[in-house]
């Protein structure tokens, strides 16, 4: 799993590329926590996430909680069908603002 951060204007875009499973989750969690800003708009792009296990869901939950305890606003974009299905079945979609694109995430969180 490769985790990259880029700034687009004042927006933090974090892209996850690869498998988020029990093998990669501890490292990804540390990387996400280090990249996550204390404030502003964050769009987590999962369009290149090829697989997500329950360990990956836990990582997303921890990032959600980190956003809740800061001034950052978080949206998810690019959910592959398999990942969306897992998140829907487990009730995780209800926690997040899920949008179709990075631009939609910015718009949804700017309100």
PDB file of N, CA and C in Angstrom:
ATOM      1  N   UNK A   1       0.845  -1.177   0.000  1.00  0.00           N
ATOM      2  CA  UNK A   1       0.000   0.000   0.000  1.00  0.00           C
ATOM      3  C   UNK A   1       0.886   1.234   0.000  1.00  0.00           C
ATOM      4  N   UNK A   2       0.631   2.107  -0.945  1.00  0.00           N
ATOM      5  CA  UNK A   2       1.345   3.373  -1.058  1.00  0.00           C
ATOM      6  C   UNK A   2       0.392   4.483  -0.645  1.00  0.00           C
ATOM      7  N   UNK A   3       0.848   5.363   0.250  1.00  0.00           N
ATOM      8  CA  UNK A   3       0.039   6.480   0.728  1.00  0.00           C
ATOM      9  C   UNK A   3       0.753   7.767   0.336  1.00  0.00           C
ATOM     10  N   UNK A   4       0.031   8.633  -0.384  1.00  0.00           N
ATOM     11  CA  UNK A   4       0.621   9.893  -0.839  1.00  0.00           C
ATOM     12  C   UNK A   4      -0.280  11.056  -0.443  1.00  0.00           C
ATOM     13  N   UNK A   5       0.356  12.159  -0.100  1.00  0.00           N
ATOM     14  CA  UNK A   5      -0.374  13.381   0.234  1.00  0.00           C
ATOM     15  C   UNK A   5       0.024  14.462  -0.753  1.00  0.00           C
ATOM     16  N   UNK A   6      -0.978  15.199  -1.203  1.00  0.00           N
ATOM     17  CA  UNK A   6      -0.707  16.364  -2.030  1.00  0.00           C
ATOM     18  C   UNK A   6      -1.678  17.465  -1.632  1.00  0.00           C
ATOM     19  N   UNK A   7      -1.241  18.676  -1.802  1.00  0.00           N
ATOM     20  CA  UNK A   7      -2.091  19.823  -1.515  1.00  0.00           C
ATOM     21  C   UNK A   7      -2.609  20.372  -2.827  1.00  0.00           C
ATOM     22  N   UNK A   8      -3.900  20.577  -2.895  1.00  0.00           N
ATOM     23  CA  UNK A   8      -4.534  21.181  -4.067  1.00  0.00           C
ATOM     24  C   UNK A   8      -5.225  22.445  -3.572  1.00  0.00           C
ATOM     25  N   UNK A   9      -4.528  23.550  -3.734  1.00  0.00           N
ATOM     26  CA  UNK A   9      -5.020  24.777  -3.121  1.00  0.00           C
ATOM     27  C   UNK A   9      -4.875  24.600  -1.622  1.00  0.00           C
ATOM     28  N   UNK A  10      -5.931  24.783  -0.887  1.00  0.00           N
ATOM     29  CA  UNK A  10      -5.878  24.570   0.551  1.00  0.00           C
ATOM     30  C   UNK A  10      -6.419  23.213   0.970  1.00  0.00           C
ATOM     31  N   UNK A  11      -6.607  22.324   0.007  1.00  0.00           N
ATOM     32  CA  UNK A  11      -7.215  21.019   0.261  1.00  0.00           C
ATOM     33  C   UNK A  11      -6.131  19.954   0.350  1.00  0.00           C
ATOM     34  N   UNK A  12      -6.219  19.126   1.371  1.00  0.00           N
ATOM     35  CA  UNK A  12      -5.301  17.993   1.510  1.00  0.00           C
ATOM     36  C   UNK A  12      -5.946  16.779   0.850  1.00  0.00           C
ATOM     37  N   UNK A  13      -5.266  16.219  -0.134  1.00  0.00           N
ATOM     38  CA  UNK A  13      -5.736  15.010  -0.807  1.00  0.00           C
ATOM     39  C   UNK A  13      -4.761  13.895  -0.459  1.00  0.00           C
ATOM     40  N   UNK A  14      -5.288  12.841   0.159  1.00  0.00           N
ATOM     41  CA  UNK A  14      -4.472  11.683   0.504  1.00  0.00           C
ATOM     42  C   UNK A  14      -4.959  10.515  -0.345  1.00  0.00           C
ATOM     43  N   UNK A  15      -4.045   9.958  -1.127  1.00  0.00           N
ATOM     44  CA  UNK A  15      -4.370   8.860  -2.027  1.00  0.00           C
ATOM     45  C   UNK A  15      -3.770   7.571  -1.490  1.00  0.00           C
ATOM     46  N   UNK A  16      -4.586   6.533  -1.480  1.00  0.00           N
ATOM     47  CA  UNK A  16      -4.136   5.212  -1.038  1.00  0.00           C
ATOM     48  C   UNK A  16      -4.164   4.285  -2.241  1.00  0.00           C
ATOM     49  N   UNK A  17      -3.035   3.630  -2.480  1.00  0.00           N
ATOM     50  CA  UNK A  17      -2.869   2.808  -3.675  1.00  0.00           C
ATOM     51  C   UNK A  17      -2.414   1.409  -3.259  1.00  0.00           C
ATOM     52  N   UNK A  18      -3.290   0.403  -3.443  1.00  0.00           N
ATOM     53  CA  UNK A  18      -2.927  -0.974  -3.126  1.00  0.00           C
ATOM     54  C   UNK A  18      -3.903  -1.621  -2.168  1.00  0.00           C
ATOM     55  N   UNK A  19      -3.408  -2.621  -1.455  1.00  0.00           N
ATOM     56  CA  UNK A  19      -4.226  -3.415  -0.538  1.00  0.00           C
ATOM     57  C   UNK A  19      -4.109  -2.873   0.892  1.00  0.00           C
ATOM     58  N   UNK A  20      -5.260  -2.719   1.536  1.00  0.00           N
ATOM     59  CA  UNK A  20      -5.286  -2.311   2.936  1.00  0.00           C
ATOM     60  C   UNK A  20      -5.809  -3.501   3.729  1.00  0.00           C
ATOM     61  N   UNK A  21      -4.859  -4.263   4.272  1.00  0.00           N
ATOM     62  CA  UNK A  21      -5.200  -5.495   4.974  1.00  0.00           C
ATOM     63  C   UNK A  21      -4.396  -5.588   6.263  1.00  0.00           C
ATOM     64  N   UNK A  22      -4.439  -6.725   6.919  1.00  0.00           N
ATOM     65  CA  UNK A  22      -3.761  -6.871   8.213  1.00  0.00           C
ATOM     66  C   UNK A  22      -2.249  -6.698   8.092  1.00  0.00           C
ATOM     67  N   UNK A  23      -1.701  -6.962   6.938  1.00  0.00           N
ATOM     68  CA  UNK A  23      -0.265  -6.810   6.739  1.00  0.00           C
ATOM     69  C   UNK A  23       0.132  -5.331   6.578  1.00  0.00           C
ATOM     70  N   UNK A  24      -0.667  -4.561   5.865  1.00  0.00           N
ATOM     71  CA  UNK A  24      -0.319  -3.174   5.589  1.00  0.00           C
ATOM     72  C   UNK A  24      -0.943  -2.178   6.554  1.00  0.00           C
ATOM     73  N   UNK A  25      -1.994  -2.568   7.265  1.00  0.00           N
ATOM     74  CA  UNK A  25      -2.758  -1.631   8.096  1.00  0.00           C
ATOM     75  C   UNK A  25      -1.934  -0.892   9.150  1.00  0.00           C
ATOM     76  N   UNK A  26      -1.061  -1.539   9.914  1.00  0.00           N
ATOM     77  CA  UNK A  26      -0.315  -0.780  10.936  1.00  0.00           C
ATOM     78  C   UNK A  26       0.535   0.348  10.346  1.00  0.00           C
ATOM     79  N   UNK A  27       1.216   0.075   9.247  1.00  0.00           N
ATOM     80  CA  UNK A  27       2.046   1.101   8.612  1.00  0.00           C
ATOM     81  C   UNK A  27       1.183   2.203   8.017  1.00  0.00           C
ATOM     82  N   UNK A  28       0.093   1.820   7.355  1.00  0.00           N
ATOM     83  CA  UNK A  28      -0.795   2.802   6.742  1.00  0.00           C
ATOM     84  C   UNK A  28      -1.417   3.698   7.816  1.00  0.00           C
ATOM     85  N   UNK A  29      -1.803   3.110   8.925  1.00  0.00           N
ATOM     86  CA  UNK A  29      -2.373   3.896  10.015  1.00  0.00           C
ATOM     87  C   UNK A  29      -1.386   4.964  10.491  1.00  0.00           C
ATOM     88  N   UNK A  30      -0.147   4.584  10.685  1.00  0.00           N
ATOM     89  CA  UNK A  30       0.871   5.538  11.119  1.00  0.00           C
ATOM     90  C   UNK A  30       1.078   6.627  10.068  1.00  0.00           C
ATOM     91  N   UNK A  31       1.133   6.234   8.803  1.00  0.00           N
ATOM     92  CA  UNK A  31       1.338   7.208   7.740  1.00  0.00           C
ATOM     93  C   UNK A  31       0.163   8.183   7.643  1.00  0.00           C
ATOM     94  N   UNK A  32      -1.052   7.666   7.720  1.00  0.00           N
ATOM     95  CA  UNK A  32      -2.224   8.527   7.639  1.00  0.00           C
ATOM     96  C   UNK A  32      -2.271   9.508   8.803  1.00  0.00           C
ATOM     97  N   UNK A  33      -1.992   9.024   9.994  1.00  0.00           N
ATOM     98  CA  UNK A  33      -2.008   9.902  11.158  1.00  0.00           C
ATOM     99  C   UNK A  33      -0.961  11.004  11.017  1.00  0.00           C
ATOM    100  N   UNK A  34       0.190  10.683  10.459  1.00  0.00           N
ATOM    101  CA  UNK A  34       1.243  11.674  10.273  1.00  0.00           C
ATOM    102  C   UNK A  34       0.884  12.680   9.176  1.00  0.00           C
ATOM    103  N   UNK A  35       0.178  12.253   8.156  1.00  0.00           N
ATOM    104  CA  UNK A  35      -0.172  13.119   7.032  1.00  0.00           C
ATOM    105  C   UNK A  35      -1.428  13.946   7.277  1.00  0.00           C
ATOM    106  N   UNK A  36      -2.247  13.531   8.221  1.00  0.00           N
ATOM    107  CA  UNK A  36      -3.546  14.157   8.447  1.00  0.00           C
ATOM    108  C   UNK A  36      -3.363  15.508   9.132  1.00  0.00           C
ATOM    109  N   UNK A  37      -3.883  16.578   8.528  1.00  0.00           N
ATOM    110  CA  UNK A  37      -3.712  17.903   9.133  1.00  0.00           C
ATOM    111  C   UNK A  37      -4.642  18.104  10.335  1.00  0.00           C
ATOM    112  N   UNK A  38      -4.330  19.088  11.145  1.00  0.00           N
ATOM    113  CA  UNK A  38      -5.146  19.394  12.315  1.00  0.00           C
ATOM    114  C   UNK A  38      -6.401  20.174  11.954  1.00  0.00           C
ATOM    115  N   UNK A  39      -6.413  20.761  10.775  1.00  0.00           N
ATOM    116  CA  UNK A  39      -7.584  21.534  10.355  1.00  0.00           C
ATOM    117  C   UNK A  39      -7.664  21.553   8.841  1.00  0.00           C
ATOM    118  N   UNK A  40      -8.822  21.984   8.348  1.00  0.00           N
ATOM    119  CA  UNK A  40      -9.013  22.100   6.908  1.00  0.00           C
ATOM    120  C   UNK A  40      -9.808  20.941   6.332  1.00  0.00           C
ATOM    121  N   UNK A  41      -9.833  20.893   5.031  1.00  0.00           N
ATOM    122  CA  UNK A  41     -10.582  19.878   4.292  1.00  0.00           C
ATOM    123  C   UNK A  41      -9.620  18.790   3.834  1.00  0.00           C
ATOM    124  N   UNK A  42     -10.003  17.536   4.111  1.00  0.00           N
ATOM    125  CA  UNK A  42      -9.206  16.384   3.710  1.00  0.00           C
ATOM    126  C   UNK A  42     -10.086  15.470   2.865  1.00  0.00           C
ATOM    127  N   UNK A  43      -9.605  15.130   1.688  1.00  0.00           N
ATOM    128  CA  UNK A  43     -10.296  14.167   0.833  1.00  0.00           C
ATOM    129  C   UNK A  43      -9.395  12.944   0.732  1.00  0.00           C
ATOM    130  N   UNK A  44      -9.914  11.814   1.180  1.00  0.00           N
ATOM    131  CA  UNK A  44      -9.192  10.548   1.124  1.00  0.00           C
ATOM    132  C   UNK A  44      -9.644   9.819  -0.138  1.00  0.00           C
ATOM    133  N   UNK A  45      -8.727   9.694  -1.091  1.00  0.00           N
ATOM    134  CA  UNK A  45      -9.021   9.090  -2.390  1.00  0.00           C
ATOM    135  C   UNK A  45      -8.696   7.600  -2.336  1.00  0.00           C
ATOM    136  N   UNK A  46      -9.737   6.786  -2.424  1.00  0.00           N
ATOM    137  CA  UNK A  46      -9.581   5.332  -2.353  1.00  0.00           C
ATOM    138  C   UNK A  46      -9.720   4.668  -3.723  1.00  0.00           C
ATOM    139  N   UNK A  47      -9.665   5.457  -4.787  1.00  0.00           N
ATOM    140  CA  UNK A  47      -9.909   4.895  -6.119  1.00  0.00           C
ATOM    141  C   UNK A  47      -8.879   3.855  -6.534  1.00  0.00           C
ATOM    142  N   UNK A  48      -7.710   3.866  -5.911  1.00  0.00           N
ATOM    143  CA  UNK A  48      -6.676   2.884  -6.242  1.00  0.00           C
ATOM    144  C   UNK A  48      -6.525   1.813  -5.161  1.00  0.00           C
ATOM    145  N   UNK A  49      -7.471   1.776  -4.233  1.00  0.00           N
ATOM    146  CA  UNK A  49      -7.456   0.756  -3.190  1.00  0.00           C
ATOM    147  C   UNK A  49      -8.071  -0.513  -3.774  1.00  0.00           C
ATOM    148  N   UNK A  50      -7.264  -1.546  -3.900  1.00  0.00           N
ATOM    149  CA  UNK A  50      -7.709  -2.756  -4.585  1.00  0.00           C
ATOM    150  C   UNK A  50      -8.391  -3.755  -3.657  1.00  0.00           C
ATOM    151  N   UNK A  51      -8.152  -3.627  -2.358  1.00  0.00           N
ATOM    152  CA  UNK A  51      -8.743  -4.564  -1.395  1.00  0.00           C
ATOM    153  C   UNK A  51      -8.722  -3.910  -0.024  1.00  0.00           C
ATOM    154  N   UNK A  52      -9.774  -4.171   0.778  1.00  0.00           N
ATOM    155  CA  UNK A  52      -9.807  -3.677   2.139  1.00  0.00           C
ATOM    156  C   UNK A  52     -10.390  -4.753   3.046  1.00  0.00           C
ATOM    157  N   UNK A  53      -9.620  -5.121   4.058  1.00  0.00           N
ATOM    158  CA  UNK A  53     -10.083  -6.111   5.041  1.00  0.00           C
ATOM    159  C   UNK A  53     -10.653  -5.381   6.249  1.00  0.00           C
ATOM    160  N   UNK A  54     -11.036  -6.144   7.260  1.00  0.00           N
ATOM    161  CA  UNK A  54     -11.527  -5.536   8.499  1.00  0.00           C
ATOM    162  C   UNK A  54     -10.440  -4.687   9.155  1.00  0.00           C
ATOM    163  N   UNK A  55      -9.185  -5.051   8.980  1.00  0.00           N
ATOM    164  CA  UNK A  55      -8.087  -4.232   9.507  1.00  0.00           C
ATOM    165  C   UNK A  55      -8.061  -2.875   8.809  1.00  0.00           C
ATOM    166  N   UNK A  56      -8.377  -2.851   7.539  1.00  0.00           N
ATOM    167  CA  UNK A  56      -8.459  -1.596   6.798  1.00  0.00           C
ATOM    168  C   UNK A  56      -9.622  -0.743   7.263  1.00  0.00           C
ATOM    169  N   UNK A  57     -10.757  -1.375   7.548  1.00  0.00           N
ATOM    170  CA  UNK A  57     -11.900  -0.640   8.084  1.00  0.00           C
ATOM    171  C   UNK A  57     -11.547   0.013   9.414  1.00  0.00           C
ATOM    172  N   UNK A  58     -10.778  -0.695  10.228  1.00  0.00           N
ATOM    173  CA  UNK A  58     -10.345  -0.150  11.512  1.00  0.00           C
ATOM    174  C   UNK A  58      -9.484   1.089  11.297  1.00  0.00           C
ATOM    175  N   UNK A  59      -8.608   1.064  10.307  1.00  0.00           N
ATOM    176  CA  UNK A  59      -7.775   2.220   9.997  1.00  0.00           C
ATOM    177  C   UNK A  59      -8.664   3.411   9.620  1.00  0.00           C
ATOM    178  N   UNK A  60      -9.667   3.185   8.786  1.00  0.00           N
ATOM    179  CA  UNK A  60     -10.574   4.270   8.407  1.00  0.00           C
ATOM    180  C   UNK A  60     -11.323   4.811   9.614  1.00  0.00           C
ATOM    181  N   UNK A  61     -11.743   3.925  10.506  1.00  0.00           N
ATOM    182  CA  UNK A  61     -12.441   4.365  11.718  1.00  0.00           C
ATOM    183  C   UNK A  61     -11.533   5.239  12.574  1.00  0.00           C
ATOM    184  N   UNK A  62     -10.273   4.867  12.715  1.00  0.00           N
ATOM    185  CA  UNK A  62      -9.343   5.660  13.505  1.00  0.00           C
ATOM    186  C   UNK A  62      -9.099   7.028  12.861  1.00  0.00           C
ATOM    187  N   UNK A  63      -9.031   7.084  11.550  1.00  0.00           N
ATOM    188  CA  UNK A  63      -8.866   8.364  10.859  1.00  0.00           C
ATOM    189  C   UNK A  63     -10.133   9.214  11.023  1.00  0.00           C
ATOM    190  N   UNK A  64     -11.280   8.583  10.951  1.00  0.00           N
ATOM    191  CA  UNK A  64     -12.543   9.295  11.189  1.00  0.00           C
ATOM    192  C   UNK A  64     -12.532   9.924  12.583  1.00  0.00           C
ATOM    193  N   UNK A  65     -12.126   9.143  13.576  1.00  0.00           N
ATOM    194  CA  UNK A  65     -12.066   9.662  14.942  1.00  0.00           C
ATOM    195  C   UNK A  65     -11.055  10.795  15.070  1.00  0.00           C
ATOM    196  N   UNK A  66      -9.929  10.670  14.388  1.00  0.00           N
ATOM    197  CA  UNK A  66      -8.930  11.727  14.419  1.00  0.00           C
ATOM    198  C   UNK A  66      -9.527  13.019  13.849  1.00  0.00           C
ATOM    199  N   UNK A  67     -10.285  12.916  12.777  1.00  0.00           N
ATOM    200  CA  UNK A  67     -10.932  14.096  12.190  1.00  0.00           C
ATOM    201  C   UNK A  67     -11.955  14.685  13.159  1.00  0.00           C
ATOM    202  N   UNK A  68     -12.688  13.825  13.850  1.00  0.00           N
ATOM    203  CA  UNK A  68     -13.701  14.295  14.798  1.00  0.00           C
ATOM    204  C   UNK A  68     -13.087  15.084  15.951  1.00  0.00           C
ATOM    205  N   UNK A  69     -11.872  14.743  16.323  1.00  0.00           N
ATOM    206  CA  UNK A  69     -11.210  15.400  17.451  1.00  0.00           C
ATOM    207  C   UNK A  69     -10.319  16.562  17.023  1.00  0.00           C
ATOM    208  N   UNK A  70     -10.407  16.948  15.773  1.00  0.00           N
ATOM    209  CA  UNK A  70      -9.620  18.066  15.265  1.00  0.00           C
ATOM    210  C   UNK A  70     -10.565  19.006  14.521  1.00  0.00           C
ATOM    211  N   UNK A  71     -10.016  20.006  13.911  1.00  0.00           N
ATOM    212  CA  UNK A  71     -10.818  20.931  13.118  1.00  0.00           C
ATOM    213  C   UNK A  71     -10.835  20.530  11.642  1.00  0.00           C
ATOM    214  N   UNK A  72     -10.398  19.321  11.341  1.00  0.00           N
ATOM    215  CA  UNK A  72     -10.382  18.839   9.956  1.00  0.00           C
ATOM    216  C   UNK A  72     -11.738  18.247   9.591  1.00  0.00           C
ATOM    217  N   UNK A  73     -12.094  18.409   8.335  1.00  0.00           N
ATOM    218  CA  UNK A  73     -13.314  17.806   7.800  1.00  0.00           C
ATOM    219  C   UNK A  73     -12.888  16.792   6.746  1.00  0.00           C
ATOM    220  N   UNK A  74     -13.484  15.601   6.796  1.00  0.00           N
ATOM    221  CA  UNK A  74     -13.026  14.469   5.992  1.00  0.00           C
ATOM    222  C   UNK A  74     -14.112  13.973   5.056  1.00  0.00           C
ATOM    223  N   UNK A  75     -13.710  13.687   3.824  1.00  0.00           N
ATOM    224  CA  UNK A  75     -14.591  13.036   2.850  1.00  0.00           C
ATOM    225  C   UNK A  75     -13.818  11.910   2.177  1.00  0.00           C
ATOM    226  N   UNK A  76     -14.557  10.905   1.749  1.00  0.00           N
ATOM    227  CA  UNK A  76     -13.983   9.789   0.992  1.00  0.00           C
ATOM    228  C   UNK A  76     -14.456   9.896  -0.451  1.00  0.00           C
ATOM    229  N   UNK A  77     -13.559   9.587  -1.372  1.00  0.00           N
ATOM    230  CA  UNK A  77     -13.941   9.561  -2.777  1.00  0.00           C
ATOM    231  C   UNK A  77     -13.312   8.340  -3.442  1.00  0.00           C
ATOM    232  N   UNK A  78     -13.883   7.974  -4.577  1.00  0.00           N
ATOM    233  CA  UNK A  78     -13.308   6.907  -5.390  1.00  0.00           C
ATOM    234  C   UNK A  78     -13.449   5.521  -4.804  1.00  0.00           C
ATOM    235  N   UNK A  79     -14.494   5.276  -4.018  1.00  0.00           N
ATOM    236  CA  UNK A  79     -14.647   3.955  -3.413  1.00  0.00           C
ATOM    237  C   UNK A  79     -14.910   2.904  -4.495  1.00  0.00           C
ATOM    238  N   UNK A  80     -14.006   1.939  -4.628  1.00  0.00           N
ATOM    239  CA  UNK A  80     -14.261   0.841  -5.556  1.00  0.00           C
ATOM    240  C   UNK A  80     -15.514   0.063  -5.106  1.00  0.00           C
ATOM    241  N   UNK A  81     -16.226  -0.563  -6.027  1.00  0.00           N
ATOM    242  CA  UNK A  81     -17.464  -1.263  -5.665  1.00  0.00           C
ATOM    243  C   UNK A  81     -17.302  -2.262  -4.509  1.00  0.00           C
ATOM    244  N   UNK A  82     -16.218  -3.033  -4.502  1.00  0.00           N
ATOM    245  CA  UNK A  82     -16.020  -4.011  -3.429  1.00  0.00           C
ATOM    246  C   UNK A  82     -15.840  -3.330  -2.081  1.00  0.00           C
ATOM    247  N   UNK A  83     -15.079  -2.247  -2.058  1.00  0.00           N
ATOM    248  CA  UNK A  83     -14.842  -1.514  -0.818  1.00  0.00           C
ATOM    249  C   UNK A  83     -16.136  -0.852  -0.346  1.00  0.00           C
ATOM    250  N   UNK A  84     -16.881  -0.257  -1.274  1.00  0.00           N
ATOM    251  CA  UNK A  84     -18.167   0.364  -0.929  1.00  0.00           C
ATOM    252  C   UNK A  84     -19.119  -0.674  -0.331  1.00  0.00           C
ATOM    253  N   UNK A  85     -19.148  -1.856  -0.935  1.00  0.00           N
ATOM    254  CA  UNK A  85     -20.034  -2.916  -0.464  1.00  0.00           C
ATOM    255  C   UNK A  85     -19.686  -3.324   0.972  1.00  0.00           C
ATOM    256  N   UNK A  86     -18.399  -3.487   1.255  1.00  0.00           N
ATOM    257  CA  UNK A  86     -17.958  -3.845   2.608  1.00  0.00           C
ATOM    258  C   UNK A  86     -18.324  -2.745   3.594  1.00  0.00           C
ATOM    259  N   UNK A  87     -18.069  -1.498   3.205  1.00  0.00           N
ATOM    260  CA  UNK A  87     -18.361  -0.383   4.095  1.00  0.00           C
ATOM    261  C   UNK A  87     -19.861  -0.234   4.329  1.00  0.00           C
ATOM    262  N   UNK A  88     -20.657  -0.499   3.314  1.00  0.00           N
ATOM    263  CA  UNK A  88     -22.105  -0.423   3.448  1.00  0.00           C
ATOM    264  C   UNK A  88     -22.620  -1.536   4.357  1.00  0.00           C
ATOM    265  N   UNK A  89     -22.132  -2.750   4.149  1.00  0.00           N
ATOM    266  CA  UNK A  89     -22.592  -3.904   4.934  1.00  0.00           C
ATOM    267  C   UNK A  89     -22.251  -3.764   6.423  1.00  0.00           C
ATOM    268  N   UNK A  90     -21.160  -3.080   6.720  1.00  0.00           N
ATOM    269  CA  UNK A  90     -20.726  -2.932   8.109  1.00  0.00           C
ATOM    270  C   UNK A  90     -21.214  -1.631   8.746  1.00  0.00           C
ATOM    271  N   UNK A  91     -21.916  -0.794   7.977  1.00  0.00           N
ATOM    272  CA  UNK A  91     -22.420   0.465   8.506  1.00  0.00           C
ATOM    273  C   UNK A  91     -21.411   1.602   8.493  1.00  0.00           C
ATOM    274  N   UNK A  92     -20.239   1.385   7.923  1.00  0.00           N
ATOM    275  CA  UNK A  92     -19.193   2.401   7.923  1.00  0.00           C
ATOM    276  C   UNK A  92     -19.517   3.582   7.012  1.00  0.00           C
ATOM    277  N   UNK A  93     -20.312   3.362   5.981  1.00  0.00           N
ATOM    278  CA  UNK A  93     -20.630   4.473   5.079  1.00  0.00           C
ATOM    279  C   UNK A  93     -21.344   5.597   5.814  1.00  0.00           C
ATOM    280  N   UNK A  94     -22.094   5.248   6.851  1.00  0.00           N
ATOM    281  CA  UNK A  94     -22.821   6.255   7.625  1.00  0.00           C
ATOM    282  C   UNK A  94     -21.927   7.222   8.370  1.00  0.00           C
ATOM    283  N   UNK A  95     -20.693   6.844   8.625  1.00  0.00           N
ATOM    284  CA  UNK A  95     -19.769   7.720   9.344  1.00  0.00           C
ATOM    285  C   UNK A  95     -19.194   8.820   8.454  1.00  0.00           C
ATOM    286  N   UNK A  96     -19.065   8.541   7.180  1.00  0.00           N
ATOM    287  CA  UNK A  96     -18.282   9.384   6.287  1.00  0.00           C
ATOM    288  C   UNK A  96     -19.142  10.167   5.312  1.00  0.00           C
ATOM    289  N   UNK A  97     -18.610  11.286   4.872  1.00  0.00           N
ATOM    290  CA  UNK A  97     -19.136  11.981   3.712  1.00  0.00           C
ATOM    291  C   UNK A  97     -18.491  11.294   2.513  1.00  0.00           C
ATOM    292  N   UNK A  98     -19.310  10.677   1.676  1.00  0.00           N
ATOM    293  CA  UNK A  98     -18.803   9.944   0.516  1.00  0.00           C
ATOM    294  C   UNK A  98     -19.219  10.712  -0.729  1.00  0.00           C
ATOM    295  N   UNK A  99     -18.240  11.028  -1.564  1.00  0.00           N
ATOM    296  CA  UNK A  99     -18.485  11.846  -2.743  1.00  0.00           C
ATOM    297  C   UNK A  99     -17.911  11.173  -3.984  1.00  0.00           C
ATOM    298  N   UNK A 100     -18.315  11.671  -5.138  1.00  0.00           N
ATOM    299  CA  UNK A 100     -17.883  11.076  -6.393  1.00  0.00           C
ATOM    300  C   UNK A 100     -16.541  11.550  -6.905  1.00  0.00           C
ATOM    301  N   UNK A 101     -16.080  12.713  -6.409  1.00  0.00           N
ATOM    302  CA  UNK A 101     -14.804  13.249  -6.883  1.00  0.00           C
ATOM    303  C   UNK A 101     -14.181  14.125  -5.800  1.00  0.00           C
ATOM    304  N   UNK A 102     -12.929  14.457  -6.015  1.00  0.00           N
ATOM    305  CA  UNK A 102     -12.233  15.343  -5.068  1.00  0.00           C
ATOM    306  C   UNK A 102     -12.945  16.695  -5.031  1.00  0.00           C
ATOM    307  N   UNK A 103     -13.341  17.196  -6.187  1.00  0.00           N
ATOM    308  CA  UNK A 103     -14.015  18.490  -6.261  1.00  0.00           C
ATOM    309  C   UNK A 103     -15.336  18.457  -5.496  1.00  0.00           C
ATOM    310  N   UNK A 104     -16.087  17.360  -5.614  1.00  0.00           N
ATOM    311  CA  UNK A 104     -17.343  17.233  -4.873  1.00  0.00           C
ATOM    312  C   UNK A 104     -17.083  17.190  -3.365  1.00  0.00           C
ATOM    313  N   UNK A 105     -15.980  16.578  -2.965  1.00  0.00           N
ATOM    314  CA  UNK A 105     -15.620  16.541  -1.562  1.00  0.00           C
ATOM    315  C   UNK A 105     -15.341  17.920  -1.009  1.00  0.00           C
ATOM    316  N   UNK A 106     -14.630  18.716  -1.781  1.00  0.00           N
ATOM    317  CA  UNK A 106     -14.341  20.090  -1.378  1.00  0.00           C
ATOM    318  C   UNK A 106     -15.638  20.856  -1.233  1.00  0.00           C
ATOM    319  N   UNK A 107     -16.522  20.708  -2.220  1.00  0.00           N
ATOM    320  CA  UNK A 107     -17.792  21.419  -2.193  1.00  0.00           C
ATOM    321  C   UNK A 107     -18.657  20.973  -1.008  1.00  0.00           C
ATOM    322  N   UNK A 108     -18.731  19.677  -0.771  1.00  0.00           N
ATOM    323  CA  UNK A 108     -19.557  19.151   0.320  1.00  0.00           C
ATOM    324  C   UNK A 108     -19.056  19.588   1.680  1.00  0.00           C
ATOM    325  N   UNK A 109     -17.748  19.696   1.842  1.00  0.00           N
ATOM    326  CA  UNK A 109     -17.188  20.040   3.138  1.00  0.00           C
ATOM    327  C   UNK A 109     -17.026  21.533   3.349  1.00  0.00           C
ATOM    328  N   UNK A 110     -17.209  22.315   2.318  1.00  0.00           N
ATOM    329  CA  UNK A 110     -17.064  23.757   2.438  1.00  0.00           C
ATOM    330  C   UNK A 110     -18.338  24.423   2.945  1.00  0.00           C
ATOM    331  N   UNK A 111     -19.404  23.689   3.026  1.00  0.00           N
ATOM    332  CA  UNK A 111     -20.689  24.235   3.468  1.00  0.00           C
ATOM    333  C   UNK A 111     -20.675  24.508   4.941  1.00  0.00           C
TER     334      UNK A 111
END
